[in-house]
Amino acid sequence: MNADPVVAAIAARLLARGEWLATAESCTGGLIAKCCTDLAGSSGWFERGLVSYSNRAKQELLGVPEAILASQGAVSEATVLAMARGLLARAPVQHAIAVSGIAGPGGGSADKPVGTVWIAWADARGAEARCLRFEGDREAVRQQAAELALEQLLARLSAPDPASPP
């Protein structure tokens, strides 16, 4: 994966603002955190990465309500939003990324086939989530999810703040 230019751009923006990033990852297993920490100097803007693979970890570490996991499952909009918001509330950071999905080769269903990944981004402006369907084997799904998560974070960091004057 060639996330280096994207991560470098994220780093530059966060450093310029004095802001920090944390990640909560399930199906990507820490790959987003790895991409971030591959960049020298990341200790100045990357605060922590949690691999919350089990439902218990999502509940204990991120405060995802058991009711959400029971009713909607780990791979859902409600879960990744709760993961991102929970991380933002628990870590001394201004930005959070959360990911949960089905990387395969098994585990898929008719409504959530292999390659289904939910990604959420949270900051002071709020949180948003997207459902994506990636093609390929387990590694390809994980890499595509990590890459898109970082690209969309960069887009969020690059967008003008609607609260600031023109």
N, C-alpha and C. Protein backbone atom coordinates (compact mmCIF):
# COMPACT_ATOMS: atom_id res chain seq x y z
N MET A 1 0.85 -1.17 0.00
CA MET A 1 0.00 0.00 0.00
C MET A 1 0.89 1.23 0.00
N ASN A 2 0.53 2.20 -0.81
CA ASN A 2 1.31 3.42 -0.89
C ASN A 2 0.54 4.56 -0.23
N ALA A 3 0.42 4.48 1.10
CA ALA A 3 -0.29 5.51 1.85
C ALA A 3 0.65 6.63 2.27
N ASP A 4 1.94 6.50 1.98
CA ASP A 4 2.92 7.47 2.46
C ASP A 4 2.56 8.92 2.15
N PRO A 5 2.23 9.29 0.90
CA PRO A 5 1.91 10.69 0.64
C PRO A 5 0.66 11.16 1.39
N VAL A 6 -0.32 10.29 1.52
CA VAL A 6 -1.54 10.65 2.25
C VAL A 6 -1.22 10.83 3.73
N VAL A 7 -0.47 9.90 4.30
CA VAL A 7 -0.12 10.00 5.71
C VAL A 7 0.74 11.24 5.96
N ALA A 8 1.66 11.53 5.06
CA ALA A 8 2.49 12.74 5.21
C ALA A 8 1.63 14.00 5.19
N ALA A 9 0.63 14.03 4.34
CA ALA A 9 -0.26 15.19 4.28
C ALA A 9 -1.11 15.29 5.55
N ILE A 10 -1.58 14.15 6.06
CA ILE A 10 -2.33 14.13 7.32
C ILE A 10 -1.44 14.66 8.43
N ALA A 11 -0.21 14.15 8.49
CA ALA A 11 0.73 14.57 9.53
C ALA A 11 0.96 16.07 9.48
N ALA A 12 1.17 16.60 8.30
CA ALA A 12 1.42 18.04 8.17
C ALA A 12 0.25 18.86 8.70
N ARG A 13 -0.95 18.45 8.37
CA ARG A 13 -2.13 19.20 8.81
C ARG A 13 -2.30 19.10 10.33
N LEU A 14 -2.16 17.89 10.86
CA LEU A 14 -2.32 17.72 12.31
C LEU A 14 -1.24 18.47 13.08
N LEU A 15 0.00 18.37 12.63
CA LEU A 15 1.09 19.08 13.30
C LEU A 15 0.88 20.58 13.26
N ALA A 16 0.45 21.10 12.12
CA ALA A 16 0.21 22.54 12.00
C ALA A 16 -0.87 23.02 12.96
N ARG A 17 -1.82 22.16 13.26
CA ARG A 17 -2.93 22.52 14.15
C ARG A 17 -2.68 22.13 15.60
N GLY A 18 -1.63 21.34 15.82
CA GLY A 18 -1.38 20.83 17.17
C GLY A 18 -2.42 19.81 17.59
N GLU A 19 -2.93 19.05 16.61
CA GLU A 19 -3.99 18.07 16.88
C GLU A 19 -3.46 16.64 16.79
N TRP A 20 -4.28 15.73 17.31
CA TRP A 20 -3.88 14.32 17.43
C TRP A 20 -4.93 13.40 16.83
N LEU A 21 -4.48 12.22 16.43
CA LEU A 21 -5.32 11.18 15.83
C LEU A 21 -5.21 9.90 16.63
N ALA A 22 -6.31 9.17 16.72
CA ALA A 22 -6.33 7.82 17.29
C ALA A 22 -7.20 6.94 16.38
N THR A 23 -6.94 5.65 16.41
CA THR A 23 -7.71 4.71 15.59
C THR A 23 -8.27 3.58 16.45
N ALA A 24 -9.45 3.12 16.06
CA ALA A 24 -10.08 1.94 16.66
C ALA A 24 -10.37 1.00 15.50
N GLU A 25 -9.65 -0.10 15.43
CA GLU A 25 -9.73 -0.97 14.27
C GLU A 25 -10.18 -2.38 14.65
N SER A 26 -11.01 -2.93 13.82
CA SER A 26 -11.42 -4.32 13.96
C SER A 26 -10.85 -5.10 12.77
N CYS A 27 -11.52 -5.09 11.64
CA CYS A 27 -11.09 -5.94 10.53
C CYS A 27 -9.72 -5.56 9.96
N THR A 28 -9.30 -4.32 10.13
CA THR A 28 -7.99 -3.91 9.62
C THR A 28 -6.86 -4.27 10.58
N GLY A 29 -7.18 -4.70 11.77
CA GLY A 29 -6.20 -5.26 12.69
C GLY A 29 -5.00 -4.39 13.00
N GLY A 30 -5.15 -3.09 12.97
CA GLY A 30 -4.04 -2.20 13.28
C GLY A 30 -3.31 -1.67 12.06
N LEU A 31 -3.79 -1.99 10.88
CA LEU A 31 -3.11 -1.57 9.65
C LEU A 31 -3.10 -0.05 9.48
N ILE A 32 -4.17 0.62 9.88
CA ILE A 32 -4.20 2.07 9.77
C ILE A 32 -3.15 2.67 10.71
N ALA A 33 -3.09 2.16 11.93
CA ALA A 33 -2.08 2.63 12.88
C ALA A 33 -0.68 2.36 12.35
N LYS A 34 -0.48 1.21 11.73
CA LYS A 34 0.83 0.89 11.16
C LYS A 34 1.21 1.90 10.08
N CYS A 35 0.26 2.20 9.20
CA CYS A 35 0.53 3.18 8.14
C CYS A 35 0.93 4.53 8.74
N CYS A 36 0.25 4.91 9.80
CA CYS A 36 0.56 6.19 10.45
C CYS A 36 1.94 6.16 11.10
N THR A 37 2.22 5.09 11.82
CA THR A 37 3.48 5.03 12.56
C THR A 37 4.67 4.64 11.68
N ASP A 38 4.42 4.26 10.44
CA ASP A 38 5.53 4.04 9.51
C ASP A 38 6.23 5.36 9.18
N LEU A 39 5.54 6.48 9.36
CA LEU A 39 6.10 7.78 9.07
C LEU A 39 6.92 8.25 10.27
N ALA A 40 8.18 8.54 10.06
CA ALA A 40 9.02 9.06 11.13
C ALA A 40 8.42 10.34 11.70
N GLY A 41 8.45 10.47 13.00
CA GLY A 41 7.89 11.64 13.65
C GLY A 41 6.42 11.53 13.99
N SER A 42 5.83 10.37 13.75
CA SER A 42 4.40 10.21 14.00
C SER A 42 4.03 10.36 15.47
N SER A 43 5.00 10.27 16.37
CA SER A 43 4.70 10.45 17.79
C SER A 43 4.28 11.88 18.10
N GLY A 44 4.41 12.78 17.14
CA GLY A 44 3.99 14.15 17.33
C GLY A 44 2.55 14.42 16.94
N TRP A 45 1.85 13.40 16.39
CA TRP A 45 0.46 13.61 15.97
C TRP A 45 -0.40 12.35 16.06
N PHE A 46 0.22 11.17 16.18
CA PHE A 46 -0.56 9.93 16.31
C PHE A 46 -0.49 9.49 17.76
N GLU A 47 -1.64 9.46 18.44
CA GLU A 47 -1.67 9.22 19.87
C GLU A 47 -1.78 7.75 20.24
N ARG A 48 -2.69 7.03 19.58
CA ARG A 48 -2.86 5.62 19.92
C ARG A 48 -3.68 4.91 18.85
N GLY A 49 -3.52 3.60 18.83
CA GLY A 49 -4.31 2.74 17.97
C GLY A 49 -4.79 1.55 18.77
N LEU A 50 -6.09 1.31 18.75
CA LEU A 50 -6.67 0.17 19.45
C LEU A 50 -7.15 -0.85 18.43
N VAL A 51 -6.83 -2.11 18.66
CA VAL A 51 -7.41 -3.18 17.87
C VAL A 51 -8.50 -3.78 18.74
N SER A 52 -9.72 -3.42 18.42
CA SER A 52 -10.88 -3.87 19.19
C SER A 52 -11.61 -4.91 18.35
N TYR A 53 -11.01 -6.08 18.28
CA TYR A 53 -11.50 -7.12 17.38
C TYR A 53 -12.78 -7.78 17.89
N SER A 54 -12.84 -8.06 19.17
CA SER A 54 -14.02 -8.74 19.71
C SER A 54 -15.09 -7.73 20.11
N ASN A 55 -16.32 -8.21 20.22
CA ASN A 55 -17.40 -7.36 20.70
C ASN A 55 -17.11 -6.89 22.13
N ARG A 56 -16.54 -7.77 22.95
CA ARG A 56 -16.21 -7.41 24.32
C ARG A 56 -15.23 -6.23 24.34
N ALA A 57 -14.22 -6.26 23.47
CA ALA A 57 -13.26 -5.15 23.40
C ALA A 57 -13.95 -3.87 22.97
N LYS A 58 -14.86 -3.97 22.01
CA LYS A 58 -15.58 -2.78 21.56
C LYS A 58 -16.38 -2.17 22.71
N GLN A 59 -16.97 -3.01 23.54
CA GLN A 59 -17.73 -2.54 24.69
C GLN A 59 -16.82 -1.96 25.77
N GLU A 60 -15.80 -2.74 26.17
CA GLU A 60 -14.94 -2.34 27.28
C GLU A 60 -14.06 -1.14 26.96
N LEU A 61 -13.45 -1.13 25.79
CA LEU A 61 -12.48 -0.09 25.46
C LEU A 61 -13.10 1.16 24.85
N LEU A 62 -14.23 0.98 24.16
CA LEU A 62 -14.80 2.09 23.39
C LEU A 62 -16.21 2.48 23.82
N GLY A 63 -16.80 1.69 24.71
CA GLY A 63 -18.14 2.02 25.20
C GLY A 63 -19.26 1.73 24.22
N VAL A 64 -19.03 0.84 23.26
CA VAL A 64 -20.10 0.48 22.32
C VAL A 64 -21.19 -0.27 23.11
N PRO A 65 -22.40 0.23 23.08
CA PRO A 65 -23.46 -0.43 23.84
C PRO A 65 -23.72 -1.86 23.36
N GLU A 66 -23.90 -2.75 24.31
CA GLU A 66 -24.21 -4.14 23.99
C GLU A 66 -25.46 -4.24 23.13
N ALA A 67 -26.42 -3.37 23.38
CA ALA A 67 -27.68 -3.40 22.63
C ALA A 67 -27.44 -3.15 21.14
N ILE A 68 -26.52 -2.26 20.80
CA ILE A 68 -26.20 -2.00 19.39
C ILE A 68 -25.59 -3.24 18.76
N LEU A 69 -24.64 -3.84 19.46
CA LEU A 69 -23.99 -5.03 18.92
C LEU A 69 -24.99 -6.17 18.75
N ALA A 70 -25.91 -6.31 19.71
CA ALA A 70 -26.90 -7.38 19.65
C ALA A 70 -27.91 -7.15 18.53
N SER A 71 -28.33 -5.91 18.33
CA SER A 71 -29.39 -5.65 17.36
C SER A 71 -28.87 -5.41 15.94
N GLN A 72 -27.69 -4.80 15.82
CA GLN A 72 -27.20 -4.43 14.50
C GLN A 72 -25.92 -5.14 14.09
N GLY A 73 -25.23 -5.71 15.06
CA GLY A 73 -24.00 -6.43 14.77
C GLY A 73 -22.78 -5.54 14.79
N ALA A 74 -21.61 -6.16 14.81
CA ALA A 74 -20.35 -5.43 14.86
C ALA A 74 -20.08 -4.68 13.56
N VAL A 75 -20.60 -5.21 12.46
CA VAL A 75 -20.37 -4.58 11.15
C VAL A 75 -21.63 -3.78 10.81
N SER A 76 -21.68 -2.56 11.34
CA SER A 76 -22.85 -1.71 11.15
C SER A 76 -22.48 -0.26 11.34
N GLU A 77 -23.32 0.60 10.81
CA GLU A 77 -23.11 2.04 10.97
C GLU A 77 -23.12 2.43 12.44
N ALA A 78 -24.09 1.94 13.18
CA ALA A 78 -24.22 2.31 14.59
C ALA A 78 -22.98 1.89 15.38
N THR A 79 -22.43 0.72 15.06
CA THR A 79 -21.25 0.26 15.79
C THR A 79 -20.03 1.11 15.50
N VAL A 80 -19.74 1.39 14.22
CA VAL A 80 -18.53 2.18 13.95
C VAL A 80 -18.68 3.61 14.44
N LEU A 81 -19.88 4.17 14.39
CA LEU A 81 -20.07 5.50 14.94
C LEU A 81 -19.84 5.49 16.45
N ALA A 82 -20.34 4.47 17.13
CA ALA A 82 -20.11 4.36 18.58
C ALA A 82 -18.63 4.14 18.88
N MET A 83 -17.95 3.37 18.04
CA MET A 83 -16.50 3.16 18.22
C MET A 83 -15.75 4.48 18.09
N ALA A 84 -16.03 5.23 17.04
CA ALA A 84 -15.33 6.49 16.80
C ALA A 84 -15.63 7.51 17.89
N ARG A 85 -16.89 7.64 18.25
CA ARG A 85 -17.26 8.59 19.30
C ARG A 85 -16.68 8.17 20.65
N GLY A 86 -16.70 6.87 20.92
CA GLY A 86 -16.15 6.36 22.17
C GLY A 86 -14.66 6.62 22.27
N LEU A 87 -13.95 6.42 21.17
CA LEU A 87 -12.51 6.68 21.16
C LEU A 87 -12.23 8.16 21.36
N LEU A 88 -12.98 8.99 20.66
CA LEU A 88 -12.81 10.44 20.78
C LEU A 88 -13.04 10.89 22.23
N ALA A 89 -14.00 10.29 22.90
CA ALA A 89 -14.31 10.65 24.28
C ALA A 89 -13.26 10.14 25.27
N ARG A 90 -12.57 9.04 24.94
CA ARG A 90 -11.66 8.40 25.88
C ARG A 90 -10.19 8.75 25.67
N ALA A 91 -9.84 9.25 24.52
CA ALA A 91 -8.44 9.55 24.21
C ALA A 91 -8.25 11.06 24.09
N PRO A 92 -7.07 11.55 24.44
CA PRO A 92 -6.81 12.98 24.33
C PRO A 92 -6.48 13.38 22.89
N VAL A 93 -7.47 13.21 22.01
CA VAL A 93 -7.28 13.46 20.58
C VAL A 93 -8.43 14.30 20.04
N GLN A 94 -8.19 14.87 18.86
CA GLN A 94 -9.23 15.65 18.19
C GLN A 94 -9.85 14.91 17.02
N HIS A 95 -9.22 13.80 16.60
CA HIS A 95 -9.69 13.04 15.43
C HIS A 95 -9.63 11.54 15.72
N ALA A 96 -10.67 10.83 15.29
CA ALA A 96 -10.72 9.38 15.47
C ALA A 96 -11.22 8.72 14.19
N ILE A 97 -10.65 7.57 13.90
CA ILE A 97 -11.10 6.71 12.81
C ILE A 97 -11.50 5.38 13.44
N ALA A 98 -12.62 4.82 13.01
CA ALA A 98 -13.04 3.49 13.46
C ALA A 98 -13.41 2.65 12.25
N VAL A 99 -13.06 1.36 12.31
CA VAL A 99 -13.32 0.45 11.19
C VAL A 99 -13.82 -0.89 11.73
N SER A 100 -14.84 -1.43 11.07
CA SER A 100 -15.32 -2.77 11.36
C SER A 100 -15.87 -3.36 10.07
N GLY A 101 -15.50 -4.59 9.79
CA GLY A 101 -15.95 -5.18 8.54
C GLY A 101 -15.72 -6.67 8.47
N ILE A 102 -15.95 -7.19 7.28
CA ILE A 102 -15.80 -8.63 7.02
C ILE A 102 -14.75 -8.79 5.93
N ALA A 103 -13.53 -9.10 6.36
CA ALA A 103 -12.42 -9.20 5.42
C ALA A 103 -12.36 -10.56 4.73
N GLY A 104 -13.01 -11.55 5.28
CA GLY A 104 -13.05 -12.86 4.65
C GLY A 104 -11.89 -13.75 5.05
N PRO A 105 -11.81 -14.92 4.47
CA PRO A 105 -12.64 -15.37 3.37
C PRO A 105 -14.04 -15.82 3.79
N GLY A 106 -14.24 -16.12 5.06
CA GLY A 106 -15.56 -16.51 5.54
C GLY A 106 -16.19 -15.37 6.32
N GLY A 107 -17.36 -15.65 6.90
CA GLY A 107 -18.02 -14.69 7.77
C GLY A 107 -19.06 -13.82 7.11
N GLY A 108 -19.14 -13.85 5.81
CA GLY A 108 -20.11 -13.02 5.11
C GLY A 108 -21.51 -13.61 5.15
N SER A 109 -22.47 -12.78 4.79
CA SER A 109 -23.87 -13.20 4.70
C SER A 109 -24.50 -12.50 3.51
N ALA A 110 -25.76 -12.78 3.24
CA ALA A 110 -26.43 -12.15 2.10
C ALA A 110 -26.49 -10.64 2.24
N ASP A 111 -26.77 -10.15 3.45
CA ASP A 111 -26.87 -8.71 3.64
C ASP A 111 -25.53 -8.04 3.97
N LYS A 112 -24.55 -8.84 4.41
CA LYS A 112 -23.21 -8.32 4.70
C LYS A 112 -22.18 -9.29 4.10
N PRO A 113 -21.99 -9.21 2.78
CA PRO A 113 -21.05 -10.13 2.14
C PRO A 113 -19.60 -9.80 2.50
N VAL A 114 -18.74 -10.78 2.26
CA VAL A 114 -17.31 -10.56 2.45
C VAL A 114 -16.92 -9.32 1.65
N GLY A 115 -16.12 -8.47 2.27
CA GLY A 115 -15.72 -7.22 1.65
C GLY A 115 -16.50 -6.02 2.14
N THR A 116 -17.56 -6.25 2.95
CA THR A 116 -18.33 -5.16 3.53
C THR A 116 -17.54 -4.56 4.68
N VAL A 117 -17.32 -3.27 4.62
CA VAL A 117 -16.57 -2.56 5.66
C VAL A 117 -17.27 -1.25 5.97
N TRP A 118 -17.47 -0.99 7.25
CA TRP A 118 -17.96 0.29 7.73
C TRP A 118 -16.79 1.07 8.29
N ILE A 119 -16.67 2.33 7.90
CA ILE A 119 -15.61 3.21 8.41
C ILE A 119 -16.27 4.48 8.93
N ALA A 120 -15.81 4.94 10.10
CA ALA A 120 -16.32 6.18 10.69
C ALA A 120 -15.16 7.11 11.02
N TRP A 121 -15.46 8.39 10.90
CA TRP A 121 -14.51 9.44 11.25
C TRP A 121 -15.23 10.37 12.22
N ALA A 122 -14.54 10.77 13.29
CA ALA A 122 -15.16 11.66 14.27
C ALA A 122 -14.18 12.76 14.65
N ASP A 123 -14.73 13.95 14.84
CA ASP A 123 -13.97 15.09 15.34
C ASP A 123 -14.97 16.03 16.00
N ALA A 124 -14.52 17.23 16.36
CA ALA A 124 -15.40 18.18 17.06
C ALA A 124 -16.62 18.57 16.23
N ARG A 125 -16.51 18.44 14.90
CA ARG A 125 -17.65 18.80 14.02
C ARG A 125 -18.70 17.71 13.99
N GLY A 126 -18.37 16.53 14.49
CA GLY A 126 -19.32 15.43 14.47
C GLY A 126 -18.70 14.16 13.93
N ALA A 127 -19.54 13.21 13.63
CA ALA A 127 -19.09 11.91 13.14
C ALA A 127 -19.88 11.54 11.90
N GLU A 128 -19.23 10.83 11.01
CA GLU A 128 -19.91 10.31 9.83
C GLU A 128 -19.37 8.91 9.55
N ALA A 129 -20.18 8.10 8.90
CA ALA A 129 -19.78 6.74 8.58
C ALA A 129 -20.15 6.42 7.15
N ARG A 130 -19.39 5.53 6.56
CA ARG A 130 -19.67 5.05 5.20
C ARG A 130 -19.55 3.54 5.17
N CYS A 131 -20.43 2.94 4.39
CA CYS A 131 -20.36 1.50 4.13
C CYS A 131 -19.74 1.31 2.75
N LEU A 132 -18.74 0.45 2.70
CA LEU A 132 -18.05 0.19 1.44
C LEU A 132 -18.02 -1.31 1.19
N ARG A 133 -17.89 -1.65 -0.07
CA ARG A 133 -17.75 -3.06 -0.45
C ARG A 133 -16.47 -3.17 -1.28
N PHE A 134 -15.50 -3.88 -0.73
CA PHE A 134 -14.22 -4.04 -1.39
C PHE A 134 -14.11 -5.43 -1.99
N GLU A 135 -13.39 -5.52 -3.08
CA GLU A 135 -13.16 -6.78 -3.77
C GLU A 135 -11.79 -7.32 -3.40
N GLY A 136 -11.61 -8.62 -3.58
CA GLY A 136 -10.31 -9.23 -3.38
C GLY A 136 -10.27 -10.12 -2.16
N ASP A 137 -9.05 -10.62 -1.89
CA ASP A 137 -8.87 -11.50 -0.75
C ASP A 137 -8.79 -10.70 0.55
N ARG A 138 -8.57 -11.37 1.65
CA ARG A 138 -8.55 -10.75 2.98
C ARG A 138 -7.59 -9.57 3.04
N GLU A 139 -6.38 -9.77 2.54
CA GLU A 139 -5.38 -8.70 2.59
C GLU A 139 -5.80 -7.51 1.73
N ALA A 140 -6.37 -7.78 0.57
CA ALA A 140 -6.81 -6.69 -0.32
C ALA A 140 -7.92 -5.88 0.33
N VAL A 141 -8.86 -6.55 0.97
CA VAL A 141 -9.96 -5.85 1.65
C VAL A 141 -9.41 -4.96 2.76
N ARG A 142 -8.51 -5.52 3.55
CA ARG A 142 -7.93 -4.75 4.67
C ARG A 142 -7.14 -3.55 4.15
N GLN A 143 -6.35 -3.74 3.12
CA GLN A 143 -5.54 -2.64 2.58
C GLN A 143 -6.40 -1.55 1.97
N GLN A 144 -7.43 -1.96 1.23
CA GLN A 144 -8.32 -0.95 0.63
C GLN A 144 -9.05 -0.16 1.71
N ALA A 145 -9.46 -0.84 2.77
CA ALA A 145 -10.17 -0.17 3.86
C ALA A 145 -9.25 0.84 4.55
N ALA A 146 -8.03 0.44 4.83
CA ALA A 146 -7.07 1.34 5.49
C ALA A 146 -6.78 2.54 4.61
N GLU A 147 -6.57 2.30 3.33
CA GLU A 147 -6.26 3.38 2.40
C GLU A 147 -7.41 4.38 2.31
N LEU A 148 -8.62 3.88 2.18
CA LEU A 148 -9.76 4.78 2.07
C LEU A 148 -9.98 5.54 3.38
N ALA A 149 -9.79 4.87 4.51
CA ALA A 149 -9.96 5.54 5.80
C ALA A 149 -9.02 6.73 5.92
N LEU A 150 -7.78 6.56 5.49
CA LEU A 150 -6.80 7.64 5.55
C LEU A 150 -7.10 8.73 4.53
N GLU A 151 -7.47 8.32 3.32
CA GLU A 151 -7.80 9.32 2.28
C GLU A 151 -8.97 10.19 2.71
N GLN A 152 -9.98 9.59 3.31
CA GLN A 152 -11.14 10.36 3.74
C GLN A 152 -10.83 11.23 4.95
N LEU A 153 -9.93 10.77 5.82
CA LEU A 153 -9.49 11.62 6.92
C LEU A 153 -8.80 12.86 6.35
N LEU A 154 -7.94 12.67 5.37
CA LEU A 154 -7.26 13.80 4.75
C LEU A 154 -8.29 14.76 4.14
N ALA A 155 -9.30 14.23 3.49
CA ALA A 155 -10.34 15.08 2.92
C ALA A 155 -11.04 15.89 4.01
N ARG A 156 -11.33 15.25 5.13
CA ARG A 156 -11.97 15.96 6.25
C ARG A 156 -11.06 17.05 6.79
N LEU A 157 -9.78 16.74 6.91
CA LEU A 157 -8.82 17.72 7.42
C LEU A 157 -8.63 18.89 6.47
N SER A 158 -8.86 18.63 5.19
CA SER A 158 -8.66 19.65 4.16
C SER A 158 -9.90 20.51 3.94
N ALA A 159 -11.05 20.04 4.39
CA ALA A 159 -12.30 20.77 4.19
C ALA A 159 -12.34 21.99 5.09
N PRO A 160 -12.90 23.09 4.59
CA PRO A 160 -13.02 24.27 5.46
C PRO A 160 -13.97 24.01 6.61
N ASP A 161 -13.67 24.58 7.74
CA ASP A 161 -14.52 24.45 8.92
C ASP A 161 -15.74 25.34 8.72
N PRO A 162 -16.95 24.76 8.71
CA PRO A 162 -18.15 25.58 8.47
C PRO A 162 -18.36 26.62 9.57
N ALA A 163 -17.76 26.44 10.74
CA ALA A 163 -17.94 27.38 11.82
C ALA A 163 -17.02 28.61 11.71
N SER A 164 -15.99 28.48 10.88
CA SER A 164 -15.05 29.61 10.77
C SER A 164 -15.54 30.60 9.72
N PRO A 165 -15.25 31.89 9.94
CA PRO A 165 -15.70 32.90 8.97
C PRO A 165 -14.95 32.79 7.64
N PRO A 166 -15.60 33.20 6.55
CA PRO A 166 -14.95 33.08 5.24
C PRO A 166 -13.76 33.99 5.08
